[in-house]
Amino acid sequence: MTGTLTQRTALATLHDVGFGYNRRPVLDGVTLRLEAGTFTGIVGPSGSG
């Protein structure tokens, strides 16, 4: 199989992000790159997102 890889432009890049509700951590140390022309979803252990 042959093909060409294209480099996409990042719309946003997050490094070592944390978030919580009422002092309860929900995300810790997340790094994420969102690229133009793609769809990104975040799904938790229960399958919700």
N, C-alpha and C. Protein backbone atom coordinates (compact mmCIF):
# COMPACT_ATOMS: atom_id res chain seq x y z
N MET A 1 0.85 -1.17 0.00
CA MET A 1 0.00 0.00 0.00
C MET A 1 0.90 1.23 0.00
N THR A 2 0.59 2.17 -0.85
CA THR A 2 1.34 3.42 -0.89
C THR A 2 0.39 4.58 -0.65
N GLY A 3 0.92 5.65 -0.18
CA GLY A 3 0.09 6.83 0.08
C GLY A 3 0.96 8.00 0.47
N THR A 4 0.32 9.11 0.63
CA THR A 4 1.01 10.33 1.01
C THR A 4 0.42 10.83 2.32
N LEU A 5 1.27 11.10 3.27
CA LEU A 5 0.82 11.69 4.52
C LEU A 5 0.81 13.20 4.37
N THR A 6 -0.28 13.81 4.80
CA THR A 6 -0.35 15.26 4.76
C THR A 6 -0.32 15.80 6.18
N GLN A 7 0.37 16.87 6.37
CA GLN A 7 0.44 17.50 7.68
C GLN A 7 -0.74 18.44 7.84
N ARG A 8 -1.49 18.26 8.92
CA ARG A 8 -2.65 19.10 9.18
C ARG A 8 -2.26 20.23 10.14
N THR A 9 -2.99 21.31 10.04
CA THR A 9 -2.77 22.45 10.91
C THR A 9 -3.54 22.25 12.21
N ALA A 10 -2.89 22.44 13.33
CA ALA A 10 -3.56 22.30 14.62
C ALA A 10 -4.46 23.50 14.87
N LEU A 11 -5.73 23.23 15.23
CA LEU A 11 -6.63 24.31 15.64
C LEU A 11 -6.38 24.67 17.09
N ALA A 12 -6.04 23.65 17.89
CA ALA A 12 -5.74 23.87 19.30
C ALA A 12 -4.85 22.74 19.80
N THR A 13 -3.93 23.07 20.68
CA THR A 13 -3.09 22.08 21.32
C THR A 13 -3.13 22.33 22.82
N LEU A 14 -3.46 21.30 23.58
CA LEU A 14 -3.55 21.41 25.04
C LEU A 14 -2.45 20.53 25.64
N HIS A 15 -1.75 21.04 26.64
CA HIS A 15 -0.67 20.29 27.29
C HIS A 15 -0.92 20.23 28.79
N ASP A 16 -0.92 19.02 29.34
CA ASP A 16 -0.98 18.80 30.78
C ASP A 16 -2.17 19.52 31.43
N VAL A 17 -3.36 19.33 30.86
CA VAL A 17 -4.57 20.00 31.32
C VAL A 17 -5.24 19.20 32.43
N GLY A 18 -5.79 19.89 33.40
CA GLY A 18 -6.57 19.26 34.46
C GLY A 18 -7.89 19.98 34.64
N PHE A 19 -8.90 19.25 35.13
CA PHE A 19 -10.22 19.83 35.34
C PHE A 19 -10.93 19.02 36.40
N GLY A 20 -11.82 19.68 37.14
CA GLY A 20 -12.58 18.97 38.16
C GLY A 20 -13.89 19.66 38.49
N TYR A 21 -14.73 18.95 39.20
CA TYR A 21 -16.01 19.46 39.70
C TYR A 21 -15.98 19.44 41.22
N ASN A 22 -16.30 20.57 41.84
CA ASN A 22 -16.35 20.64 43.31
C ASN A 22 -15.11 20.03 43.96
N ARG A 23 -13.95 20.41 43.46
CA ARG A 23 -12.65 19.96 43.97
C ARG A 23 -12.40 18.46 43.77
N ARG A 24 -13.18 17.82 42.93
CA ARG A 24 -12.95 16.41 42.60
C ARG A 24 -12.34 16.34 41.20
N PRO A 25 -11.09 15.86 41.07
CA PRO A 25 -10.45 15.80 39.75
C PRO A 25 -11.21 14.89 38.78
N VAL A 26 -11.37 15.38 37.56
CA VAL A 26 -12.00 14.60 36.50
C VAL A 26 -10.97 14.29 35.42
N LEU A 27 -10.17 15.28 35.05
CA LEU A 27 -9.08 15.12 34.10
C LEU A 27 -7.79 15.55 34.77
N ASP A 28 -6.70 14.83 34.50
CA ASP A 28 -5.42 15.19 35.09
C ASP A 28 -4.30 14.81 34.12
N GLY A 29 -3.54 15.79 33.70
CA GLY A 29 -2.39 15.54 32.84
C GLY A 29 -2.75 15.19 31.40
N VAL A 30 -3.85 15.73 30.89
CA VAL A 30 -4.29 15.42 29.53
C VAL A 30 -3.57 16.30 28.52
N THR A 31 -3.06 15.68 27.46
CA THR A 31 -2.47 16.40 26.34
C THR A 31 -3.25 16.02 25.09
N LEU A 32 -3.66 17.02 24.32
CA LEU A 32 -4.55 16.78 23.20
C LEU A 32 -4.23 17.76 22.08
N ARG A 33 -4.25 17.28 20.84
CA ARG A 33 -4.04 18.13 19.67
C ARG A 33 -5.27 18.00 18.78
N LEU A 34 -5.97 19.09 18.57
CA LEU A 34 -7.15 19.11 17.71
C LEU A 34 -6.73 19.64 16.35
N GLU A 35 -7.00 18.86 15.30
CA GLU A 35 -6.53 19.22 13.97
C GLU A 35 -7.68 19.62 13.06
N ALA A 36 -7.40 20.54 12.16
CA ALA A 36 -8.39 21.00 11.18
C ALA A 36 -8.83 19.82 10.31
N GLY A 37 -10.13 19.76 10.02
CA GLY A 37 -10.65 18.72 9.15
C GLY A 37 -10.90 17.39 9.81
N THR A 38 -10.81 17.32 11.15
CA THR A 38 -11.04 16.07 11.87
C THR A 38 -12.13 16.26 12.91
N PHE A 39 -12.69 15.15 13.38
CA PHE A 39 -13.64 15.15 14.48
C PHE A 39 -12.97 14.44 15.66
N THR A 40 -13.11 15.00 16.86
CA THR A 40 -12.49 14.42 18.04
C THR A 40 -13.54 14.25 19.11
N GLY A 41 -13.57 13.09 19.74
CA GLY A 41 -14.50 12.83 20.84
C GLY A 41 -13.74 12.31 22.04
N ILE A 42 -14.24 12.64 23.22
CA ILE A 42 -13.66 12.13 24.46
C ILE A 42 -14.73 11.29 25.13
N VAL A 43 -14.41 10.03 25.39
CA VAL A 43 -15.37 9.09 25.95
C VAL A 43 -14.82 8.56 27.27
N GLY A 44 -15.67 8.57 28.30
CA GLY A 44 -15.27 8.08 29.61
C GLY A 44 -15.45 6.58 29.74
N PRO A 45 -15.08 6.01 30.89
CA PRO A 45 -15.16 4.57 31.12
C PRO A 45 -16.57 4.01 30.98
N SER A 46 -17.58 4.82 31.26
CA SER A 46 -18.96 4.34 31.17
C SER A 46 -19.49 4.40 29.73
N GLY A 47 -18.69 4.98 28.83
CA GLY A 47 -19.12 5.11 27.44
C GLY A 47 -19.77 6.45 27.15
N SER A 48 -19.92 7.29 28.18
CA SER A 48 -20.49 8.62 27.95
C SER A 48 -19.37 9.56 27.53
N GLY A 49 -19.74 10.61 26.84
CA GLY A 49 -18.70 11.55 26.40
C GLY A 49 -19.26 12.89 26.07
